[in-house]
C-alpha atoms as a PDB file:
ATOM      1  CA  MET A   1     -18.520   9.920  -5.013  1.00  0.00           C
ATOM      2  CA  LYS A   2     -14.805  10.017  -5.710  1.00  0.00           C
ATOM      3  CA  HIS A   3     -12.737  11.376  -2.851  1.00  0.00           C
ATOM      4  CA  ASN A   4      -9.405  12.666  -4.036  1.00  0.00           C
ATOM      5  CA  LEU A   5      -6.321  12.135  -1.966  1.00  0.00           C
ATOM      6  CA  VAL A   6      -3.704  14.843  -1.997  1.00  0.00           C
ATOM      7  CA  CYS A   7      -0.102  13.718  -1.931  1.00  0.00           C
ATOM      8  CA  ARG A   8       2.722  15.868  -0.845  1.00  0.00           C
ATOM      9  CA  TYR A   9       6.100  14.557  -1.953  1.00  0.00           C
ATOM     10  CA  ALA A  10       8.467  14.274   0.957  1.00  0.00           C
ATOM     11  CA  PHE A  11      11.961  13.386   1.947  1.00  0.00           C
ATOM     12  CA  LEU A  12      12.724  11.092   4.833  1.00  0.00           C
ATOM     13  CA  SER A  13      14.109  13.283   7.567  1.00  0.00           C
ATOM     14  CA  SER A  14      14.731  10.544  10.101  1.00  0.00           C
ATOM     15  CA  MET A  15      13.570   7.185  11.313  1.00  0.00           C
ATOM     16  CA  PHE A  16      13.467   7.190  15.091  1.00  0.00           C
ATOM     17  CA  ALA A  17      11.845   4.395  17.132  1.00  0.00           C
ATOM     18  CA  GLY A  18       9.920   3.203  14.062  1.00  0.00           C
ATOM     19  CA  ALA A  19       8.324   6.611  13.413  1.00  0.00           C
ATOM     20  CA  LEU A  20       8.589   8.278  10.016  1.00  0.00           C
ATOM     21  CA  MET A  21       9.422  11.961  10.078  1.00  0.00           C
ATOM     22  CA  LEU A  22       8.460  13.804   6.867  1.00  0.00           C
ATOM     23  CA  VAL A  23       9.452  17.366   5.986  1.00  0.00           C
ATOM     24  CA  ASN A  24       8.788  20.141   3.435  1.00  0.00           C
ATOM     25  CA  VAL A  25       6.350  18.780   0.928  1.00  0.00           C
ATOM     26  CA  ALA A  26       4.759  20.064  -2.301  1.00  0.00           C
ATOM     27  CA  SER A  27       1.139  19.194  -3.094  1.00  0.00           C
ATOM     28  CA  ALA A  28       0.150  16.801  -5.883  1.00  0.00           C
ATOM     29  CA  GLN A  29      -2.599  14.207  -6.490  1.00  0.00           C
ATOM     30  CA  CYS A  30      -1.962  10.583  -5.573  1.00  0.00           C
ATOM     31  CA  GLU A  31      -3.737   7.260  -5.859  1.00  0.00           C
ATOM     32  CA  LEU A  32      -2.878   4.288  -3.667  1.00  0.00           C
ATOM     33  CA  TYR A  33      -2.431   0.691  -4.739  1.00  0.00           C
ATOM     34  CA  PRO A  34      -3.581  -2.224  -2.519  1.00  0.00           C
ATOM     35  CA  ILE A  35      -0.200  -3.639  -1.547  1.00  0.00           C
ATOM     36  CA  ALA A  36       0.689  -3.594   2.156  1.00  0.00           C
ATOM     37  CA  LEU A  37       4.287  -2.537   2.826  1.00  0.00           C
ATOM     38  CA  SER A  38       5.717  -3.077   6.311  1.00  0.00           C
ATOM     39  CA  VAL A  39       7.570  -0.252   8.048  1.00  0.00           C
ATOM     40  CA  GLN A  40      10.097  -2.909   9.169  1.00  0.00           C
ATOM     41  CA  THR A  41      10.873  -3.729   5.540  1.00  0.00           C
ATOM     42  CA  LEU A  42      11.813  -0.078   4.965  1.00  0.00           C
ATOM     43  CA  ALA A  43      13.959   0.308   8.095  1.00  0.00           C
ATOM     44  CA  ASN A  44      17.332   1.750   7.056  1.00  0.00           C
ATOM     45  CA  VAL A  45      16.530   1.388   3.326  1.00  0.00           C
ATOM     46  CA  ALA A  46      17.743   4.320   1.214  1.00  0.00           C
ATOM     47  CA  PRO A  47      15.774   5.597  -1.793  1.00  0.00           C
ATOM     48  CA  GLY A  48      17.021   3.871  -4.941  1.00  0.00           C
ATOM     49  CA  THR A  49      17.428   0.504  -3.184  1.00  0.00           C
ATOM     50  CA  GLU A  50      15.838  -2.635  -4.620  1.00  0.00           C
ATOM     51  CA  ILE A  51      13.988  -4.762  -2.066  1.00  0.00           C
ATOM     52  CA  ASN A  52      13.838  -8.400  -3.211  1.00  0.00           C
ATOM     53  CA  ASP A  53      10.799  -9.311  -1.126  1.00  0.00           C
ATOM     54  CA  ILE A  54       8.663  -6.648   0.486  1.00  0.00           C
ATOM     55  CA  LEU A  55       7.349  -9.199   3.028  1.00  0.00           C
ATOM     56  CA  ASN A  56       3.968  -7.532   2.832  1.00  0.00           C
ATOM     57  CA  GLY A  57       1.563  -9.664   4.915  1.00  0.00           C
ATOM     58  CA  THR A  58       2.059 -11.176   8.366  1.00  0.00           C
ATOM     59  CA  GLN A  59      -1.310 -12.489   9.457  1.00  0.00           C
ATOM     60  CA  PRO A  60      -2.217 -16.167   8.864  1.00  0.00           C
ATOM     61  CA  GLY A  61      -3.962 -16.523   5.503  1.00  0.00           C
ATOM     62  CA  ASN A  62      -2.989 -13.028   4.349  1.00  0.00           C
ATOM     63  CA  PHE A  63      -0.408 -12.303   1.652  1.00  0.00           C
ATOM     64  CA  GLY A  64      -0.554  -8.538   2.043  1.00  0.00           C
ATOM     65  CA  TRP A  65      -3.132  -7.555  -0.533  1.00  0.00           C
ATOM     66  CA  LEU A  66      -5.491  -4.838   0.681  1.00  0.00           C
ATOM     67  CA  THR A  67      -9.147  -4.200  -0.037  1.00  0.00           C
ATOM     68  CA  TRP A  68     -10.407  -0.617   0.072  1.00  0.00           C
ATOM     69  CA  ALA A  69     -14.057  -1.404   0.840  1.00  0.00           C
ATOM     70  CA  GLY A  70     -13.894  -4.924   2.288  1.00  0.00           C
ATOM     71  CA  SER A  71     -14.472  -7.114  -0.778  1.00  0.00           C
ATOM     72  CA  PRO A  72     -12.134 -10.129  -0.842  1.00  0.00           C
ATOM     73  CA  SER A  73     -12.910 -10.905  -4.510  1.00  0.00           C
ATOM     74  CA  GLU A  74     -10.107 -11.217  -7.030  1.00  0.00           C
ATOM     75  CA  PRO A  75     -11.897  -9.017  -9.622  1.00  0.00           C
ATOM     76  CA  THR A  76     -12.015  -6.257  -6.990  1.00  0.00           C
ATOM     77  CA  LEU A  77      -8.257  -6.641  -6.436  1.00  0.00           C
ATOM     78  CA  VAL A  78      -7.643  -6.465 -10.196  1.00  0.00           C
ATOM     79  CA  ASP A  79      -9.705  -3.246 -10.411  1.00  0.00           C
ATOM     80  CA  SER A  80      -7.665  -1.759  -7.562  1.00  0.00           C
ATOM     81  CA  LEU A  81      -4.381  -2.664  -9.297  1.00  0.00           C
ATOM     82  CA  THR A  82      -5.447  -1.375 -12.733  1.00  0.00           C
ATOM     83  CA  GLY A  83      -4.871   2.067 -14.195  1.00  0.00           C
ATOM     84  CA  SER A  84      -4.704   4.709 -11.499  1.00  0.00           C
ATOM     85  CA  GLY A  85      -6.324   2.335  -9.020  1.00  0.00           C
ATOM     86  CA  ASN A  86      -9.517   2.997  -7.094  1.00  0.00           C
ATOM     87  CA  SER A  87      -8.442   3.902  -3.585  1.00  0.00           C
ATOM     88  CA  TYR A  88     -11.193   6.525  -3.631  1.00  0.00           C
ATOM     89  CA  THR A  89     -13.577   3.623  -2.827  1.00  0.00           C
ATOM     90  CA  TYR A  90     -11.931   3.217   0.611  1.00  0.00           C
ATOM     91  CA  VAL A  91     -14.173   2.816   3.645  1.00  0.00           C
ATOM     92  CA  ASN A  92     -12.545   2.649   7.077  1.00  0.00           C
ATOM     93  CA  PRO A  93     -13.409  -0.823   8.458  1.00  0.00           C
ATOM     94  CA  LEU A  94     -13.592   0.532  12.013  1.00  0.00           C
ATOM     95  CA  ASP A  95     -15.965   3.449  11.515  1.00  0.00           C
ATOM     96  CA  GLY A  96     -17.561   3.035   8.076  1.00  0.00           C
ATOM     97  CA  TYR A  97     -17.537   6.788   7.479  1.00  0.00           C
ATOM     98  CA  ASN A  98     -13.945   7.833   6.938  1.00  0.00           C
ATOM     99  CA  GLU A  99     -13.361   7.644   3.186  1.00  0.00           C
ATOM    100  CA  SER A 100      -9.882   9.173   3.002  1.00  0.00           C
ATOM    101  CA  ILE A 101      -6.843   7.078   3.829  1.00  0.00           C
ATOM    102  CA  LEU A 102      -4.754   8.946   6.360  1.00  0.00           C
ATOM    103  CA  VAL A 103      -1.957   8.025   8.770  1.00  0.00           C
ATOM    104  CA  GLY A 104      -3.554   6.178  11.698  1.00  0.00           C
ATOM    105  CA  ASP A 105      -6.363   4.650   9.617  1.00  0.00           C
ATOM    106  CA  TRP A 106      -6.879   0.913   9.272  1.00  0.00           C
ATOM    107  CA  ILE A 107      -7.175  -0.898   5.930  1.00  0.00           C
ATOM    108  CA  GLN A 108      -8.700  -4.343   5.562  1.00  0.00           C
ATOM    109  CA  GLY A 109      -6.576  -7.160   4.151  1.00  0.00           C
ATOM    110  CA  LYS A 110      -7.589  -9.490   1.332  1.00  0.00           C
ATOM    111  CA  PRO A 111      -6.801 -13.135   2.178  1.00  0.00           C
ATOM    112  CA  GLY A 112      -4.692 -15.458   0.086  1.00  0.00           C
ATOM    113  CA  VAL A 113      -2.183 -15.123  -2.742  1.00  0.00           C
ATOM    114  CA  SER A 114      -4.086 -14.029  -5.835  1.00  0.00           C
ATOM    115  CA  ASN A 115      -2.473 -15.338  -9.007  1.00  0.00           C
ATOM    116  CA  SER A 116      -5.084 -14.940 -11.756  1.00  0.00           C
ATOM    117  CA  SER A 117      -4.121 -13.719 -15.218  1.00  0.00           C
ATOM    118  CA  GLY A 118      -5.887 -10.437 -14.347  1.00  0.00           C
ATOM    119  CA  VAL A 119      -3.646  -9.898 -11.296  1.00  0.00           C
ATOM    120  CA  ARG A 120      -0.517 -10.830 -13.269  1.00  0.00           C
ATOM    121  CA  ASN A 121      -1.492  -8.506 -16.152  1.00  0.00           C
ATOM    122  CA  ALA A 122      -2.106  -5.642 -13.704  1.00  0.00           C
ATOM    123  CA  LEU A 123       1.251  -6.217 -11.975  1.00  0.00           C
ATOM    124  CA  ASN A 124       2.991  -6.372 -15.366  1.00  0.00           C
ATOM    125  CA  ALA A 125       1.467  -3.002 -16.283  1.00  0.00           C
ATOM    126  CA  LEU A 126       2.512  -1.500 -12.934  1.00  0.00           C
ATOM    127  CA  GLU A 127       6.156  -2.482 -13.570  1.00  0.00           C
ATOM    128  CA  THR A 128       6.390   0.399 -16.046  1.00  0.00           C
ATOM    129  CA  GLY A 129       5.760   3.174 -13.529  1.00  0.00           C
ATOM    130  CA  VAL A 130       5.994   4.394  -9.947  1.00  0.00           C
ATOM    131  CA  ILE A 131       3.097   3.616  -7.602  1.00  0.00           C
ATOM    132  CA  THR A 132       2.201   4.733  -4.088  1.00  0.00           C
ATOM    133  CA  VAL A 133       1.401   2.141  -1.417  1.00  0.00           C
ATOM    134  CA  PRO A 134       0.465   2.358   2.273  1.00  0.00           C
ATOM    135  CA  ILE A 135       3.103   1.579   4.902  1.00  0.00           C
ATOM    136  CA  TRP A 136       1.832  -0.289   7.985  1.00  0.00           C
ATOM    137  CA  ASP A 137       3.265  -0.952  11.422  1.00  0.00           C
ATOM    138  CA  VAL A 138       0.683  -3.166  13.167  1.00  0.00           C
ATOM    139  CA  SER A 139      -1.638  -5.843  11.810  1.00  0.00           C
ATOM    140  CA  ILE A 140      -4.450  -7.499  13.707  1.00  0.00           C
ATOM    141  CA  LYS A 141      -6.976 -10.292  13.108  1.00  0.00           C
ATOM    142  CA  GLN A 142      -6.731 -12.936  10.357  1.00  0.00           C
ATOM    143  CA  GLY A 143      -7.858 -13.742   6.815  1.00  0.00           C
ATOM    144  CA  ASN A 144     -10.537 -11.404   5.422  1.00  0.00           C
ATOM    145  CA  ASN A 145     -10.794  -9.772   8.859  1.00  0.00           C
ATOM    146  CA  SER A 146      -7.111  -8.758   8.952  1.00  0.00           C
ATOM    147  CA  LEU A 147      -6.449  -5.056   9.411  1.00  0.00           C
ATOM    148  CA  TYR A 148      -3.304  -3.006   8.773  1.00  0.00           C
ATOM    149  CA  ARG A 149      -2.646   0.334  10.512  1.00  0.00           C
ATOM    150  CA  VAL A 150      -1.277   3.004   8.161  1.00  0.00           C
ATOM    151  CA  VAL A 151       1.806   4.887   9.384  1.00  0.00           C
ATOM    152  CA  GLY A 152       2.935   6.402   6.095  1.00  0.00           C
ATOM    153  CA  PHE A 153       3.138   6.046   2.339  1.00  0.00           C
ATOM    154  CA  ALA A 154       5.904   4.997  -0.035  1.00  0.00           C
ATOM    155  CA  GLN A 155       6.562   5.282  -3.717  1.00  0.00           C
ATOM    156  CA  VAL A 156       7.885   2.118  -5.321  1.00  0.00           C
ATOM    157  CA  GLN A 157       8.321   0.540  -8.717  1.00  0.00           C
ATOM    158  CA  ILE A 158       7.539  -3.163  -9.002  1.00  0.00           C
ATOM    159  CA  THR A 159      10.564  -4.917 -10.472  1.00  0.00           C
ATOM    160  CA  SER A 160       9.354  -8.531 -10.308  1.00  0.00           C
ATOM    161  CA  TYR A 161       6.926 -10.872  -8.601  1.00  0.00           C
ATOM    162  CA  LYS A 162       6.540 -14.624  -8.071  1.00  0.00           C
ATOM    163  CA  LEU A 163       2.952 -15.722  -7.361  1.00  0.00           C
ATOM    164  CA  PRO A 164       2.348 -18.344  -6.015  1.00  0.00           C
ATOM    165  CA  GLY A 165       5.256 -20.492  -4.892  1.00  0.00           C
ATOM    166  CA  GLN A 166       7.717 -17.896  -3.622  1.00  0.00           C
ATOM    167  CA  ASN A 167       4.836 -15.519  -2.787  1.00  0.00           C
ATOM    168  CA  ARG A 168       6.912 -12.392  -3.220  1.00  0.00           C
ATOM    169  CA  ILE A 169       6.883  -8.970  -4.810  1.00  0.00           C
ATOM    170  CA  SER A 170      10.166  -7.133  -5.421  1.00  0.00           C
ATOM    171  CA  VAL A 171      10.310  -3.343  -5.717  1.00  0.00           C
ATOM    172  CA  LEU A 172      12.647  -0.438  -6.264  1.00  0.00           C
ATOM    173  CA  PHE A 173      12.102   1.894  -3.294  1.00  0.00           C
ATOM    174  CA  ILE A 174      11.766   5.426  -4.682  1.00  0.00           C
ATOM    175  CA  GLY A 175      11.084   7.216  -1.391  1.00  0.00           C
ATOM    176  CA  TYR A 176       8.476   8.322   1.114  1.00  0.00           C
ATOM    177  CA  THR A 177       5.490  10.493   0.341  1.00  0.00           C
ATOM    178  CA  SER A 178       2.616  11.900   2.347  1.00  0.00           C
ATOM    179  CA  CYS A 179      -0.996  11.376   1.259  1.00  0.00           C
ATOM    180  CA  GLY A 180      -4.053  12.930   2.794  1.00  0.00           C
ATOM    181  CA  GLN A 181      -6.495  15.764   2.554  1.00  0.00           C
ATOM    182  CA  GLU A 182      -5.104  19.279   2.201  1.00  0.00           C
ATOM    183  CA  GLY A 183      -4.236  20.691   5.565  1.00  0.00           C
ATOM    184  CA  THR A 184      -3.699  17.354   7.323  1.00  0.00           C
END
């Protein structure tokens, strides 16, 4: 069953001690894409700034790809990067019941740098629009067991990528947004 996420567009009010403060938001639907974005990468970055390398993963063996339901397969990653994504398939790796991605939830990482033609085609298609990705502050474990704790959400536009070799994704930072069920 598809679980819709509700996004409320927000403006960054302040960044104090690594915490994101979001204010006055208007409701809209949002889908997430499986690219981990570190809160440290966004520190003191103004909307409209291009980030040459979003430095997405930190754990050994993990580039920063995410998997909503725990599958490390490349076809699953391609599905999650295609169209409006499939973040509605999310299952919290710590409780198995939570199916909505909210601040404080953990998302499982997908190990390795995936560079198939399917991944490249999906990234090429995403360069034409704005996508929403989770922002994380803490990562634990390694490889397919890596977990990222969600502290917020950002809207970005992919401007370029180099997989493998440089292992980087560059984005235009559009701004912060808030995703979650109505009333949260």
